[in-house]
Protein backbone atom coordinates (compact mmCIF):
# COMPACT_ATOMS: atom_id res chain seq x y z
CA MET A 1 0.92 -11.65 0.67
CA VAL A 2 3.47 -14.15 1.91
CA VAL A 3 6.98 -12.71 1.99
CA ARG A 4 9.77 -15.26 2.14
CA GLU A 5 13.22 -14.52 3.49
CA ASP A 6 15.02 -15.68 0.34
CA ARG A 7 12.92 -13.24 -1.75
CA LEU A 8 12.63 -10.44 0.80
CA THR A 9 14.12 -7.68 -1.39
CA GLU A 10 12.03 -8.57 -4.45
CA ASP A 11 8.79 -9.05 -2.51
CA LEU A 12 9.13 -5.80 -0.55
CA ASP A 13 9.99 -3.94 -3.76
CA HIS A 14 6.80 -5.34 -5.37
CA LEU A 15 4.75 -4.42 -2.29
CA SER A 16 6.09 -0.85 -2.29
CA ARG A 17 5.28 -0.41 -5.99
CA MET A 18 1.75 -1.74 -5.39
CA ALA A 19 1.38 0.83 -2.58
CA GLY A 20 2.49 3.61 -4.95
CA ILE A 21 6.00 4.03 -3.53
CA ALA A 22 8.16 3.90 -6.64
CA ASP A 23 11.53 4.80 -5.14
CA ALA A 24 11.66 2.74 -1.95
CA LYS A 25 15.44 2.16 -2.26
CA LEU A 26 15.39 -1.52 -1.33
CA GLU A 27 18.63 -2.61 -3.01
CA THR A 28 19.44 -5.05 -0.22
CA VAL A 29 17.23 -6.08 2.63
CA ALA A 30 18.70 -8.51 5.12
CA PRO A 31 16.83 -9.84 8.13
CA ALA A 32 18.42 -9.26 11.50
CA PRO A 33 19.99 -12.28 13.17
CA VAL A 34 17.86 -14.23 15.61
CA PRO A 35 18.54 -13.02 19.18
CA ASP A 36 20.17 -15.64 21.41
CA ALA A 37 17.24 -15.38 23.84
CA LEU A 38 15.00 -16.92 21.17
CA ARG A 39 17.26 -19.92 20.64
CA ASP A 40 16.04 -21.66 23.80
CA LYS A 41 14.98 -25.22 22.85
CA ALA A 42 11.90 -25.19 25.10
CA LEU A 43 10.72 -21.92 23.53
CA ILE A 44 11.33 -23.22 20.00
CA ASP A 45 9.46 -26.46 20.77
CA ALA A 46 6.54 -24.55 22.31
CA ALA A 47 6.26 -22.22 19.30
CA GLN A 48 6.36 -25.13 16.87
CA ALA A 49 3.70 -27.00 18.85
CA ALA A 50 1.45 -23.94 19.04
CA TYR A 51 1.87 -23.00 15.37
CA LEU A 52 2.38 -26.41 13.76
CA ARG A 53 -0.17 -25.70 11.04
CA ASP A 54 1.77 -22.54 10.05
CA TYR A 55 5.07 -24.44 10.10
CA VAL A 56 3.61 -27.03 7.71
CA THR A 57 1.61 -24.63 5.51
CA PHE A 58 4.31 -21.99 5.06
CA GLY A 59 7.34 -24.27 5.17
CA PHE A 60 9.05 -22.78 8.22
CA ASP A 61 12.35 -24.42 9.04
CA PRO A 62 13.89 -24.51 12.49
CA MET A 63 15.94 -21.41 13.25
CA PRO A 64 19.57 -21.57 12.08
């Protein structure tokens, strides 16, 4: 299952119901902000180079 950030609440709710957890209480799920340590340009470039196929296949955008 691919879970996208913009549908995180809906997708996790569906996943919990499929796992038999009916009352997961997922009214709002918000991802944590990206830590500043991960905003290093060299690190971002290295990750994109190493996982280019994933970036293309799953539509990853650069970090905000």
